[in-house]
């Protein structure tokens, strides 16, 4: 490590890169780690080599896919942490040694305290848990079968480790996000092809008779719930990078990936993904609305998104509509004729904004504009909640047809999420004070829900290990204290990120992922296939906020 650092210093001494723009070696390591997590991690599946064409085989790719991603994350994070520790122990020269060092625990922020509180709450929850093995490892053999989703204390510790590494050592480098756009684009493209029964990686070869895999698994991610989480944590970043980047070629790459991501969102058939994306688009319209210089690129990306849906429809026609079954909402969007008007309107607004921006560059609209837009979206949200409450608790008899599972809460609501939520609150309500406060242990939902498995069979499932609502799941497993710490951790980083966006607009791309993921988490699950990326973007929000405060200037 010492010689590596010496070589790095020598290269920079003989280069034209100024000291101001030079990335510290610690930041280089962190960017390499992020590049690996953004490019290799989404595509990583089990594979093997042999002497038969095509030599590299992925037909077992879906076998244990959660474990593959879980261990990949742990190993890569451990390597990054060890590299950074070795780097700190091997200073290159006395001049650098004499410089004041920023300790990991200097300038402790609200988000830092929340991260530490989250670890403490999860540790206490594990110690007090009646299922300690499951709570610690996130997996245990119960009744002859492996249970849990690897979301135990170990994973939480690694999340917080990643957080402190990134928030203390990160420096912005755009190549990392180009890598994300390219890797995400490959995942999106594979999703679209899989949706039309095209399997270029031969990953479904061993699952032709297993309909739950054959019909609901996609790309190198897993089932549609996992895919939904992945799209919500990557597509908003790529979309927003197309708005804030200053490089036209990079913008084209981001827009192409955005188009593919939108197609994957539709063909992946997950309402949670649509929810997260819709919330992101609404929030960020309000964020960008004051500045036509950015708003024009927002509407350009929106036009690309809407147009890609019709491009998907054209692709479907070419393949004679031979695609996996879609739910009501994705199908309605795909076949909507009104979408043509939305595309035209978005395109016209884009052109107008480009004209306004060229004639009045740098113009900023009054603060009343985003306030008004926020109020309109707020009223729309309250209206949607009102409709849901009305049909769920007041008018419970009017037939709603295919939209009943969306607009009327019942045990069958949301693919029987309703019964899981009802029983989860029953479990929480029946717990003693200690377990209300700290829960039954991380990732122990399977054990505490087991008394209701027989009832769950009426809805087509023999068991479940998650509430399919991250917040309810955390309430039961790590209690009020753990859930509060988690919300403070993610929410604190998000708020601080938004506050620093005036000086560091790139942070908006990271905040976009946090907003979309937290919205879709209302009806989805945390898994080590997607949640590590969410934690990374939470950490990046905090990192940019810290750099903004430390430097009091724009981030390079």
Protein backbone atom coordinates (compact mmCIF):
# COMPACT_ATOMS: atom_id res chain seq x y z
CA UNK A 1 0.00 0.00 0.00
CA UNK A 2 2.92 2.32 0.79
CA UNK A 3 4.40 1.87 -2.71
CA UNK A 4 1.01 2.23 -4.33
CA UNK A 5 0.59 5.58 -2.62
CA UNK A 6 4.09 6.68 -3.60
CA UNK A 7 3.39 5.76 -7.23
CA UNK A 8 0.08 7.65 -7.13
CA UNK A 9 1.82 10.77 -5.82
CA UNK A 10 4.54 10.53 -8.45
CA UNK A 11 1.99 10.25 -11.26
CA UNK A 12 0.20 13.38 -10.07
CA UNK A 13 3.44 15.29 -9.60
CA UNK A 14 4.25 14.69 -13.29
CA UNK A 15 0.73 15.46 -14.51
CA UNK A 16 -1.09 18.69 -15.30
CA UNK A 17 -3.76 18.06 -12.67
CA UNK A 18 -3.82 20.85 -10.13
CA UNK A 19 -3.72 20.09 -6.43
CA UNK A 20 -7.20 21.58 -6.17
CA UNK A 21 -8.70 19.07 -8.63
CA UNK A 22 -6.65 16.08 -7.54
CA UNK A 23 -8.61 13.25 -5.95
CA UNK A 24 -7.05 11.88 -2.78
CA UNK A 25 -6.14 8.21 -3.10
CA UNK A 26 -8.74 7.40 -0.44
CA UNK A 27 -11.40 8.99 -2.65
CA UNK A 28 -10.10 7.04 -5.65
CA UNK A 29 -10.61 3.79 -3.73
CA UNK A 30 -14.13 4.80 -2.75
CA UNK A 31 -14.99 5.66 -6.35
CA UNK A 32 -13.64 2.32 -7.50
CA UNK A 33 -15.82 0.64 -4.88
CA UNK A 34 -18.86 2.59 -6.07
CA UNK A 35 -18.07 1.79 -9.70
CA UNK A 36 -17.97 -1.92 -8.86
CA UNK A 37 -21.22 -1.69 -6.90
CA UNK A 38 -22.92 0.23 -9.71
CA UNK A 39 -21.67 -1.90 -12.61
CA UNK A 40 -20.78 -5.42 -11.45
CA UNK A 41 -23.17 -5.84 -8.51
CA UNK A 42 -26.43 -5.52 -10.55
CA UNK A 43 -25.17 -8.00 -13.17
CA UNK A 44 -23.52 -10.48 -10.83
CA UNK A 45 -25.09 -13.95 -10.80
CA UNK A 46 -23.85 -17.51 -10.39
CA UNK A 47 -22.07 -18.74 -13.50
CA UNK A 48 -19.72 -21.50 -14.51
CA UNK A 49 -17.28 -22.22 -17.32
CA UNK A 50 -16.89 -25.38 -19.37
CA UNK A 51 -15.69 -26.43 -22.80
CA UNK A 52 -19.11 -26.17 -24.41
CA UNK A 53 -20.40 -23.13 -26.25
CA UNK A 54 -20.98 -20.43 -25.12
CA UNK A 55 -18.38 -21.50 -22.46
CA UNK A 56 -19.81 -19.13 -19.83
CA UNK A 57 -23.14 -20.48 -18.54
CA UNK A 58 -25.73 -18.71 -16.38
CA UNK A 59 -28.54 -21.26 -16.35
CA UNK A 60 -28.19 -21.48 -12.54
CA UNK A 61 -28.18 -17.70 -12.19
CA UNK A 62 -31.46 -17.49 -10.28
CA UNK A 63 -30.46 -20.23 -7.83
CA UNK A 64 -29.59 -18.43 -4.61
CA UNK A 65 -29.44 -15.05 -6.36
CA UNK A 66 -30.08 -13.21 -3.07
CA UNK A 67 -27.13 -14.94 -1.44
CA UNK A 68 -24.88 -14.17 -4.39
CA UNK A 69 -25.59 -10.44 -4.18
CA UNK A 70 -25.45 -10.48 -0.38
CA UNK A 71 -21.98 -11.99 -0.21
CA UNK A 72 -20.76 -9.86 -3.10
CA UNK A 73 -21.75 -6.74 -1.17
CA UNK A 74 -20.14 -7.97 2.05
CA UNK A 75 -16.88 -8.94 0.35
CA UNK A 76 -16.57 -5.76 -1.73
CA UNK A 77 -17.35 -3.59 1.29
CA UNK A 78 -14.84 -5.47 3.46
CA UNK A 79 -12.15 -5.05 0.78
CA UNK A 80 -12.89 -1.32 0.52
CA UNK A 81 -12.75 -0.90 4.30
CA UNK A 82 -9.48 -2.83 4.61
CA UNK A 83 -7.93 -0.84 1.76
CA UNK A 84 -8.88 2.44 3.41
CA UNK A 85 -7.52 1.34 6.79
CA UNK A 86 -4.21 0.28 5.21
CA UNK A 87 -4.08 3.60 3.40
CA UNK A 88 -4.48 5.50 6.65
CA UNK A 89 -1.64 3.47 8.17
CA UNK A 90 0.79 4.17 5.34
CA UNK A 91 1.22 7.91 4.84
CA UNK A 92 3.34 8.74 1.81
CA UNK A 93 5.39 11.63 3.12
CA UNK A 94 6.01 13.72 6.20
CA UNK A 95 4.43 16.78 4.61
CA UNK A 96 1.17 14.94 4.29
CA UNK A 97 1.54 13.57 7.78
CA UNK A 98 1.82 17.08 9.11
CA UNK A 99 -1.48 18.11 7.60
CA UNK A 100 -4.44 18.04 9.92
CA UNK A 101 -6.51 14.92 9.36
CA UNK A 102 -10.26 14.75 9.30
CA UNK A 103 -11.22 12.08 11.79
CA UNK A 104 -14.12 9.78 11.02
CA UNK A 105 -15.76 11.23 14.09
CA UNK A 106 -15.12 14.91 13.46
CA UNK A 107 -18.19 17.08 12.95
CA UNK A 108 -20.73 14.45 13.97
CA UNK A 109 -24.04 15.28 12.29
CA UNK A 110 -27.65 14.39 13.01
CA UNK A 111 -27.49 11.66 10.35
CA UNK A 112 -24.34 10.22 11.91
CA UNK A 113 -26.05 9.94 15.29
CA UNK A 114 -29.07 8.35 13.61
CA UNK A 115 -26.84 5.75 11.90
CA UNK A 116 -25.18 4.90 15.21
CA UNK A 117 -28.58 4.76 16.91
CA UNK A 118 -29.79 2.34 14.21
CA UNK A 119 -26.91 -0.03 14.90
CA UNK A 120 -27.42 0.23 18.64
CA UNK A 121 -31.17 -0.45 18.36
CA UNK A 122 -30.59 -3.44 16.09
CA UNK A 123 -27.91 -4.81 18.44
CA UNK A 124 -30.23 -4.49 21.46
CA UNK A 125 -33.06 -6.01 19.42
CA UNK A 126 -30.81 -8.97 18.52
CA UNK A 127 -29.74 -9.55 22.13
CA UNK A 128 -33.34 -9.45 23.34
CA UNK A 129 -34.68 -11.52 20.45
CA UNK A 130 -36.10 -14.99 21.07
CA UNK A 131 -34.64 -15.87 17.64
CA UNK A 132 -31.06 -14.66 18.04
CA UNK A 133 -29.45 -16.72 15.28
CA UNK A 134 -31.95 -15.45 12.72
CA UNK A 135 -31.69 -11.89 14.03
CA UNK A 136 -27.89 -11.91 13.89
CA UNK A 137 -27.29 -13.63 10.56
CA UNK A 138 -30.57 -12.78 8.83
CA UNK A 139 -30.91 -16.46 8.00
CA UNK A 140 -31.47 -19.65 9.99
CA UNK A 141 -32.71 -23.18 9.42
CA UNK A 142 -36.23 -23.49 10.79
CA UNK A 143 -38.36 -26.59 10.24
CA UNK A 144 -35.76 -28.01 7.89
CA UNK A 145 -35.82 -24.92 5.64
CA UNK A 146 -33.66 -21.82 5.47
CA UNK A 147 -35.62 -18.73 6.53
CA UNK A 148 -34.83 -15.02 6.45
CA UNK A 149 -33.71 -12.56 3.78
CA UNK A 150 -30.17 -11.91 5.09
CA UNK A 151 -31.31 -8.62 6.66
CA UNK A 152 -29.83 -9.43 10.05
CA UNK A 153 -27.55 -7.44 12.31
CA UNK A 154 -24.49 -8.31 10.20
CA UNK A 155 -25.95 -6.57 7.16
CA UNK A 156 -26.98 -3.54 9.23
CA UNK A 157 -23.40 -3.25 10.51
CA UNK A 158 -22.09 -3.30 6.96
CA UNK A 159 -24.63 -0.65 5.92
CA UNK A 160 -23.35 1.68 8.62
CA UNK A 161 -19.75 0.85 7.71
CA UNK A 162 -20.48 1.85 4.10
CA UNK A 163 -22.14 5.01 5.34
CA UNK A 164 -19.10 6.18 7.30
CA UNK A 165 -16.66 5.24 4.51
CA UNK A 166 -18.59 7.19 1.90
CA UNK A 167 -19.49 10.21 4.01
CA UNK A 168 -15.88 10.72 5.12
CA UNK A 169 -13.95 9.84 1.96
CA UNK A 170 -16.14 10.41 -1.10
CA UNK A 171 -15.31 12.89 -3.86
CA UNK A 172 -17.49 13.28 -6.94
CA UNK A 173 -16.42 11.59 -10.22
CA UNK A 174 -19.03 11.31 -12.98
CA UNK A 175 -17.59 8.19 -14.61
CA UNK A 176 -19.12 6.22 -11.74
CA UNK A 177 -22.62 7.26 -12.78
CA UNK A 178 -21.99 6.64 -16.45
CA UNK A 179 -21.13 3.13 -15.30
CA UNK A 180 -24.45 2.97 -13.45
CA UNK A 181 -26.32 4.14 -16.58
CA UNK A 182 -24.64 1.48 -18.72
CA UNK A 183 -25.04 -1.35 -16.23
CA UNK A 184 -28.61 -0.30 -15.46
CA UNK A 185 -29.32 -0.11 -19.18
CA UNK A 186 -28.19 -3.72 -19.59
CA UNK A 187 -30.45 -4.85 -16.74
CA UNK A 188 -33.37 -2.87 -18.20
CA UNK A 189 -32.80 -4.32 -21.67
CA UNK A 190 -32.64 -7.86 -20.30
CA UNK A 191 -35.89 -7.19 -18.43
CA UNK A 192 -37.65 -6.11 -21.62
CA UNK A 193 -36.36 -9.14 -23.52
CA UNK A 194 -37.32 -11.51 -20.69
CA UNK A 195 -40.78 -9.91 -20.66
CA UNK A 196 -41.20 -11.10 -24.23
CA UNK A 197 -39.86 -14.60 -23.43
CA UNK A 198 -36.45 -13.83 -24.94
CA UNK A 199 -33.66 -15.22 -22.77
CA UNK A 200 -30.24 -14.21 -24.15
CA UNK A 201 -28.39 -15.36 -20.99
CA UNK A 202 -30.25 -18.70 -20.88
CA UNK A 203 -31.12 -18.05 -17.22
CA UNK A 204 -34.59 -19.61 -17.49
CA UNK A 205 -33.39 -22.90 -19.02
CA UNK A 206 -33.87 -24.84 -15.77
CA UNK A 207 -37.11 -23.14 -14.76
CA UNK A 208 -39.48 -23.83 -17.65
CA UNK A 209 -41.85 -25.76 -15.38
CA UNK A 210 -41.55 -23.40 -12.37
CA UNK A 211 -44.09 -20.75 -13.24
CA UNK A 212 -43.33 -18.52 -10.27
CA UNK A 213 -39.77 -18.10 -11.59
CA UNK A 214 -40.46 -18.32 -15.31
CA UNK A 215 -43.20 -15.67 -15.24
CA UNK A 216 -42.07 -13.32 -12.45
CA UNK A 217 -38.26 -13.26 -12.55
CA UNK A 218 -36.31 -10.82 -14.71
CA UNK A 219 -32.78 -10.00 -15.86
CA UNK A 220 -30.06 -10.52 -13.24
CA UNK A 221 -32.14 -9.17 -10.34
CA UNK A 222 -34.82 -11.68 -9.37
CA UNK A 223 -38.58 -11.47 -9.01
CA UNK A 224 -40.60 -8.42 -9.93
CA UNK A 225 -40.61 -7.02 -6.39
CA UNK A 226 -36.81 -6.99 -6.36
CA UNK A 227 -36.77 -5.57 -9.89
CA UNK A 228 -39.14 -2.83 -8.80
CA UNK A 229 -36.81 -1.84 -5.97
CA UNK A 230 -33.83 -1.88 -8.33
CA UNK A 231 -35.55 0.34 -10.88
CA UNK A 232 -36.66 2.80 -8.20
CA UNK A 233 -33.13 3.12 -6.82
CA UNK A 234 -31.40 3.49 -10.22
CA UNK A 235 -33.78 5.02 -12.79
CA UNK A 236 -34.37 8.27 -10.81
CA UNK A 237 -30.59 8.73 -10.49
CA UNK A 238 -30.04 8.26 -14.21
CA UNK A 239 -33.00 10.51 -15.07
CA UNK A 240 -31.75 13.27 -12.76
CA UNK A 241 -28.16 12.97 -13.99
CA UNK A 242 -29.49 13.73 -17.49
CA UNK A 243 -30.85 16.98 -16.04
CA UNK A 244 -27.83 18.15 -14.05
CA UNK A 245 -24.89 16.89 -16.14
CA UNK A 246 -22.95 19.47 -18.16
CA UNK A 247 -21.71 17.00 -20.77
CA UNK A 248 -23.98 16.49 -23.85
CA UNK A 249 -22.58 13.03 -24.66
CA UNK A 250 -23.20 11.87 -21.10
CA UNK A 251 -26.73 13.28 -21.29
CA UNK A 252 -27.41 11.10 -24.34
CA UNK A 253 -26.21 8.02 -22.45
CA UNK A 254 -28.42 8.88 -19.48
CA UNK A 255 -31.44 9.44 -21.72
CA UNK A 256 -31.00 6.13 -23.56
CA UNK A 257 -30.76 4.34 -20.22
CA UNK A 258 -33.83 6.26 -18.99
CA UNK A 259 -35.81 5.03 -22.00
CA UNK A 260 -34.81 1.42 -21.36
CA UNK A 261 -35.58 1.81 -17.66
CA UNK A 262 -39.08 3.05 -18.40
CA UNK A 263 -39.74 0.07 -20.67
CA UNK A 264 -38.48 -2.26 -17.93
CA UNK A 265 -40.75 -0.52 -15.42
CA UNK A 266 -43.81 -1.32 -17.54
CA UNK A 267 -42.92 -4.85 -18.65
CA UNK A 268 -41.69 -5.72 -15.13
CA UNK A 269 -45.31 -5.40 -13.98
CA UNK A 270 -44.90 -4.00 -10.49
CA UNK A 271 -47.23 -1.34 -9.12
CA UNK A 272 -44.67 -0.49 -6.42
CA UNK A 273 -42.21 0.57 -9.11
CA UNK A 274 -44.82 2.81 -10.70
CA UNK A 275 -45.59 4.30 -7.29
CA UNK A 276 -41.96 5.12 -6.55
CA UNK A 277 -41.39 6.59 -10.01
CA UNK A 278 -44.56 8.71 -9.87
CA UNK A 279 -43.59 10.16 -6.48
CA UNK A 280 -40.09 10.92 -7.75
CA UNK A 281 -41.40 12.69 -10.87
CA UNK A 282 -43.83 14.80 -8.84
CA UNK A 283 -41.29 15.80 -6.20
CA UNK A 284 -38.60 16.67 -8.71
CA UNK A 285 -40.91 18.68 -10.92
CA UNK A 286 -41.36 20.90 -7.87
CA UNK A 287 -37.58 20.89 -7.27
CA UNK A 288 -36.70 21.93 -10.83
CA UNK A 289 -39.63 24.19 -11.62
CA UNK A 290 -37.98 27.49 -10.62
CA UNK A 291 -35.11 27.17 -13.07
CA UNK A 292 -35.99 26.81 -16.78
CA UNK A 293 -32.33 25.94 -17.47
CA UNK A 294 -32.89 22.67 -15.60
CA UNK A 295 -36.61 22.29 -16.13
CA UNK A 296 -36.06 22.00 -19.90
CA UNK A 297 -33.92 18.92 -19.37
CA UNK A 298 -36.46 17.50 -16.90
CA UNK A 299 -39.16 17.70 -19.59
CA UNK A 300 -36.75 16.37 -22.21
CA UNK A 301 -36.18 13.29 -20.04
CA UNK A 302 -39.92 13.05 -19.31
CA UNK A 303 -40.67 13.14 -23.05
CA UNK A 304 -38.15 10.34 -23.56
CA UNK A 305 -39.81 8.33 -20.78
CA UNK A 306 -43.30 8.72 -22.22
CA UNK A 307 -42.14 8.10 -25.76
CA UNK A 308 -40.34 4.92 -24.73
CA UNK A 309 -43.66 3.45 -23.54
CA UNK A 310 -45.03 3.77 -27.08
CA UNK A 311 -41.77 2.37 -28.43
CA UNK A 312 -42.36 -0.62 -26.16
CA UNK A 313 -45.87 -0.92 -27.60
CA UNK A 314 -44.39 -0.95 -31.11
CA UNK A 315 -41.96 -3.67 -30.08
CA UNK A 316 -44.89 -5.63 -28.67
CA UNK A 317 -46.78 -5.34 -31.96
CA UNK A 318 -43.76 -6.60 -33.87
CA UNK A 319 -43.64 -9.65 -31.58
CA UNK A 320 -47.43 -10.12 -31.88
CA UNK A 321 -48.07 -9.12 -28.26
CA UNK A 322 -46.30 -12.22 -26.95
CA UNK A 323 -45.37 -10.91 -23.50
CA UNK A 324 -45.73 -12.01 -19.89
CA UNK A 325 -49.05 -11.12 -18.31
CA UNK A 326 -49.31 -7.52 -17.13
CA UNK A 327 -51.34 -6.12 -14.27
CA UNK A 328 -54.11 -3.59 -14.80
CA UNK A 329 -52.05 -0.46 -14.23
CA UNK A 330 -49.01 -1.28 -16.42
CA UNK A 331 -51.36 -2.60 -19.11
CA UNK A 332 -53.47 0.57 -18.99
CA UNK A 333 -50.36 2.72 -19.42
CA UNK A 334 -48.99 0.59 -22.26
CA UNK A 335 -52.23 0.67 -24.25
CA UNK A 336 -53.31 4.22 -23.35
CA UNK A 337 -54.18 6.42 -26.33
CA UNK A 338 -54.14 9.45 -24.06
CA UNK A 339 -50.40 8.90 -23.69
CA UNK A 340 -49.92 10.32 -27.19
CA UNK A 341 -51.32 13.65 -25.97
CA UNK A 342 -49.06 13.53 -22.92
CA UNK A 343 -46.03 12.95 -25.16
CA UNK A 344 -47.03 15.85 -27.41
CA UNK A 345 -47.64 18.16 -24.45
CA UNK A 346 -44.32 17.25 -22.84
CA UNK A 347 -42.48 17.78 -26.14
CA UNK A 348 -44.09 21.20 -26.66
CA UNK A 349 -43.21 22.28 -23.11
CA UNK A 350 -39.64 21.10 -23.71
CA UNK A 351 -39.33 23.23 -26.85
CA UNK A 352 -40.82 26.28 -25.14
CA UNK A 353 -38.44 25.92 -22.20
CA UNK A 354 -35.42 25.62 -24.50
CA UNK A 355 -36.49 28.84 -26.24
CA UNK A 356 -37.05 30.66 -22.95
CA UNK A 357 -33.72 29.41 -21.61
CA UNK A 358 -31.85 30.58 -24.71
CA UNK A 359 -33.39 34.05 -24.58
CA UNK A 360 -33.18 34.46 -20.80
CA UNK A 361 -30.35 32.24 -19.56
CA UNK A 362 -30.14 31.84 -15.82
CA UNK A 363 -33.64 33.18 -15.19
CA UNK A 364 -35.25 32.05 -11.93
CA UNK A 365 -39.00 31.99 -11.35
CA UNK A 366 -40.55 33.32 -8.12
CA UNK A 367 -40.67 31.06 -5.06
CA UNK A 368 -44.45 31.09 -5.34
CA UNK A 369 -44.20 28.80 -8.39
CA UNK A 370 -42.78 25.70 -6.62
CA UNK A 371 -45.02 26.42 -3.64
CA UNK A 372 -48.08 26.40 -5.91
CA UNK A 373 -46.89 23.23 -7.67
CA UNK A 374 -46.24 21.55 -4.34
CA UNK A 375 -49.72 22.50 -3.14
CA UNK A 376 -51.29 21.04 -6.29
CA UNK A 377 -49.46 17.76 -5.88
CA UNK A 378 -50.30 17.76 -2.19
CA UNK A 379 -53.99 18.20 -2.98
CA UNK A 380 -53.79 15.43 -5.58
CA UNK A 381 -52.19 13.14 -2.99
CA UNK A 382 -54.85 13.97 -0.40
CA UNK A 383 -57.51 13.37 -3.05
CA UNK A 384 -56.08 9.94 -3.82
CA UNK A 385 -55.97 9.11 -0.11
CA UNK A 386 -59.54 10.35 0.23
CA UNK A 387 -60.74 8.09 -2.58
CA UNK A 388 -58.94 5.14 -1.01
CA UNK A 389 -60.41 5.84 2.44
CA UNK A 390 -63.89 6.37 0.98
CA UNK A 391 -64.02 3.05 -0.87
CA UNK A 392 -62.26 1.18 1.94
CA UNK A 393 -64.26 2.34 4.96
CA UNK A 394 -67.37 4.22 3.80
CA UNK A 395 -68.62 2.80 0.51
CA UNK A 396 -67.56 -0.82 0.75
CA UNK A 397 -70.15 -2.25 -1.64
CA UNK A 398 -69.83 -0.38 -4.95
CA UNK A 399 -68.18 -2.74 -7.47
CA UNK A 400 -64.80 -1.39 -8.60
CA UNK A 401 -63.95 -4.14 -11.04
CA UNK A 402 -60.27 -4.68 -11.73
CA UNK A 403 -59.33 -1.63 -9.63
CA UNK A 404 -60.84 -2.98 -6.41
CA UNK A 405 -57.51 -4.45 -5.29
CA UNK A 406 -56.00 -0.99 -5.69
CA UNK A 407 -58.74 1.32 -4.34
CA UNK A 408 -60.37 -0.73 -1.58
CA UNK A 409 -58.37 -1.98 1.39
CA UNK A 410 -59.17 -5.52 2.48
CA UNK A 411 -57.28 -8.64 3.48
CA UNK A 412 -56.85 -9.35 -0.26
CA UNK A 413 -55.65 -5.81 -1.06
CA UNK A 414 -52.32 -5.48 -2.87
CA UNK A 415 -51.90 -9.18 -3.61
CA UNK A 416 -52.98 -9.98 -0.02
CA UNK A 417 -50.65 -7.43 1.52
CA UNK A 418 -53.75 -6.34 3.41
CA UNK A 419 -53.90 -9.43 5.61
CA UNK A 420 -50.15 -9.27 6.25
CA UNK A 421 -50.40 -5.65 7.42
CA UNK A 422 -53.46 -6.34 9.58
CA UNK A 423 -51.78 -9.28 11.32
CA UNK A 424 -48.48 -7.39 11.64
CA UNK A 425 -50.26 -4.67 13.62
CA UNK A 426 -51.96 -7.39 15.68
CA UNK A 427 -48.51 -8.83 16.48
CA UNK A 428 -47.16 -5.41 17.40
CA UNK A 429 -50.22 -4.59 19.48
CA UNK A 430 -49.93 -7.85 21.42
CA UNK A 431 -46.21 -7.45 22.15
CA UNK A 432 -44.92 -6.41 25.57
CA UNK A 433 -43.31 -3.00 26.12
CA UNK A 434 -39.74 -4.16 25.46
CA UNK A 435 -40.64 -5.83 22.17
CA UNK A 436 -42.73 -2.84 21.14
CA UNK A 437 -39.68 -0.67 21.73
CA UNK A 438 -36.99 -2.92 20.18
CA UNK A 439 -38.96 -5.49 18.21
CA UNK A 440 -38.40 -9.24 17.99
CA UNK A 441 -35.04 -9.01 16.21
CA UNK A 442 -33.90 -7.97 12.71
CA UNK A 443 -35.36 -10.13 9.94
CA UNK A 444 -37.47 -12.30 12.28
CA UNK A 445 -40.83 -11.60 10.66
CA UNK A 446 -41.18 -15.25 9.58
CA UNK A 447 -41.08 -16.46 13.18
CA UNK A 448 -43.46 -13.91 14.66
CA UNK A 449 -45.97 -14.33 11.81
CA UNK A 450 -45.93 -18.14 11.94
CA UNK A 451 -49.17 -18.43 13.98
CA UNK A 452 -51.03 -16.91 11.02
CA UNK A 453 -49.61 -19.15 8.27
CA UNK A 454 -52.72 -21.33 8.17
CA UNK A 455 -54.89 -18.24 7.61
CA UNK A 456 -52.50 -17.03 4.92
CA UNK A 457 -53.07 -20.22 2.94
CA UNK A 458 -56.55 -18.91 2.10
CA UNK A 459 -54.83 -16.20 0.04
CA UNK A 460 -52.45 -18.47 -1.86
CA UNK A 461 -49.35 -18.37 0.36
CA UNK A 462 -48.23 -20.98 2.88
CA UNK A 463 -45.85 -18.60 4.68
CA UNK A 464 -44.18 -15.19 4.52
CA UNK A 465 -40.97 -13.71 5.89
CA UNK A 466 -41.81 -10.04 5.27
CA UNK A 467 -44.75 -7.69 5.74
CA UNK A 468 -44.30 -6.32 2.21
CA UNK A 469 -44.12 -2.87 3.74
CA UNK A 470 -40.62 -2.00 4.96
CA UNK A 471 -41.86 0.36 7.65
CA UNK A 472 -44.36 -2.08 9.15
CA UNK A 473 -41.72 -4.79 8.87
CA UNK A 474 -39.21 -2.69 10.82
CA UNK A 475 -41.86 -1.79 13.39
CA UNK A 476 -42.35 -5.47 14.19
CA UNK A 477 -38.72 -6.61 13.88
CA UNK A 478 -36.69 -3.72 15.36
CA UNK A 479 -39.49 -1.86 17.12
CA UNK A 480 -40.39 1.78 17.55
CA UNK A 481 -36.80 2.69 18.45
CA UNK A 482 -35.29 0.94 15.43
CA UNK A 483 -37.87 2.28 12.99
CA UNK A 484 -37.41 5.81 14.33
CA UNK A 485 -33.63 5.56 13.96
CA UNK A 486 -33.99 4.23 10.41
CA UNK A 487 -36.33 7.05 9.38
CA UNK A 488 -34.06 9.62 11.04
CA UNK A 489 -31.06 8.14 9.21
CA UNK A 490 -32.59 8.15 5.73
CA UNK A 491 -34.68 11.28 6.27
CA UNK A 492 -31.82 13.22 7.83
CA UNK A 493 -29.49 12.51 4.91
CA UNK A 494 -32.24 13.39 2.43
CA UNK A 495 -33.05 16.73 4.06
CA UNK A 496 -29.38 17.67 4.36
CA UNK A 497 -28.84 16.67 0.75
CA UNK A 498 -31.66 18.89 -0.47
CA UNK A 499 -30.34 21.79 1.61
CA UNK A 500 -26.93 21.50 -0.06
CA UNK A 501 -28.35 21.21 -3.60
CA UNK A 502 -28.01 24.94 -4.31
CA UNK A 503 -24.23 24.61 -4.19
CA UNK A 504 -24.00 20.95 -5.22
CA UNK A 505 -26.81 20.17 -7.73
CA UNK A 506 -25.40 16.67 -8.31
CA UNK A 507 -26.77 15.71 -4.90
CA UNK A 508 -30.26 15.88 -6.42
CA UNK A 509 -29.51 12.67 -8.34
CA UNK A 510 -28.74 10.89 -5.08
CA UNK A 511 -31.79 12.37 -3.37
CA UNK A 512 -33.93 11.14 -6.27
CA UNK A 513 -33.03 7.53 -5.48
CA UNK A 514 -33.85 8.01 -1.80
CA UNK A 515 -37.25 9.60 -2.56
CA UNK A 516 -38.31 6.90 -5.03
CA UNK A 517 -37.07 4.00 -2.92
CA UNK A 518 -38.75 5.23 0.26
CA UNK A 519 -42.03 5.67 -1.65
CA UNK A 520 -42.01 2.17 -3.14
CA UNK A 521 -40.98 0.71 0.24
CA UNK A 522 -44.55 1.33 1.42
CA UNK A 523 -45.57 -1.77 -0.54
CA UNK A 524 -42.27 -3.61 -1.00
CA UNK A 525 -39.55 -5.47 0.89
CA UNK A 526 -35.92 -4.85 1.81
CA UNK A 527 -33.48 -7.32 0.29
CA UNK A 528 -29.68 -7.28 -0.14
CA UNK A 529 -30.23 -7.17 -3.91
CA UNK A 530 -31.46 -3.57 -3.89
CA UNK A 531 -31.21 -2.09 -0.37
CA UNK A 532 -27.38 -1.80 -0.45
CA UNK A 533 -27.72 0.61 -3.38
CA UNK A 534 -30.30 2.61 -1.43
CA UNK A 535 -27.92 2.86 1.54
CA UNK A 536 -25.15 4.01 -0.81
CA UNK A 537 -27.33 6.86 -2.13
CA UNK A 538 -28.37 7.84 1.40
CA UNK A 539 -24.65 7.99 2.21
CA UNK A 540 -23.90 10.04 -0.91
CA UNK A 541 -26.56 12.59 0.10
CA UNK A 542 -24.86 13.03 3.45
CA UNK A 543 -21.37 13.05 1.88
CA UNK A 544 -22.28 15.93 -0.44
CA UNK A 545 -23.91 17.84 2.40
CA UNK A 546 -20.75 17.44 4.49
CA UNK A 547 -18.49 18.56 1.64
CA UNK A 548 -20.70 21.57 0.98
CA UNK A 549 -20.48 22.63 4.60
CA UNK A 550 -16.75 21.95 4.92
CA UNK A 551 -15.71 23.69 1.71
CA UNK A 552 -18.48 26.30 1.55
CA UNK A 553 -18.18 26.20 -2.22
CA UNK A 554 -19.39 24.28 -5.21
CA UNK A 555 -18.30 20.69 -5.44
CA UNK A 556 -16.02 20.05 -8.40
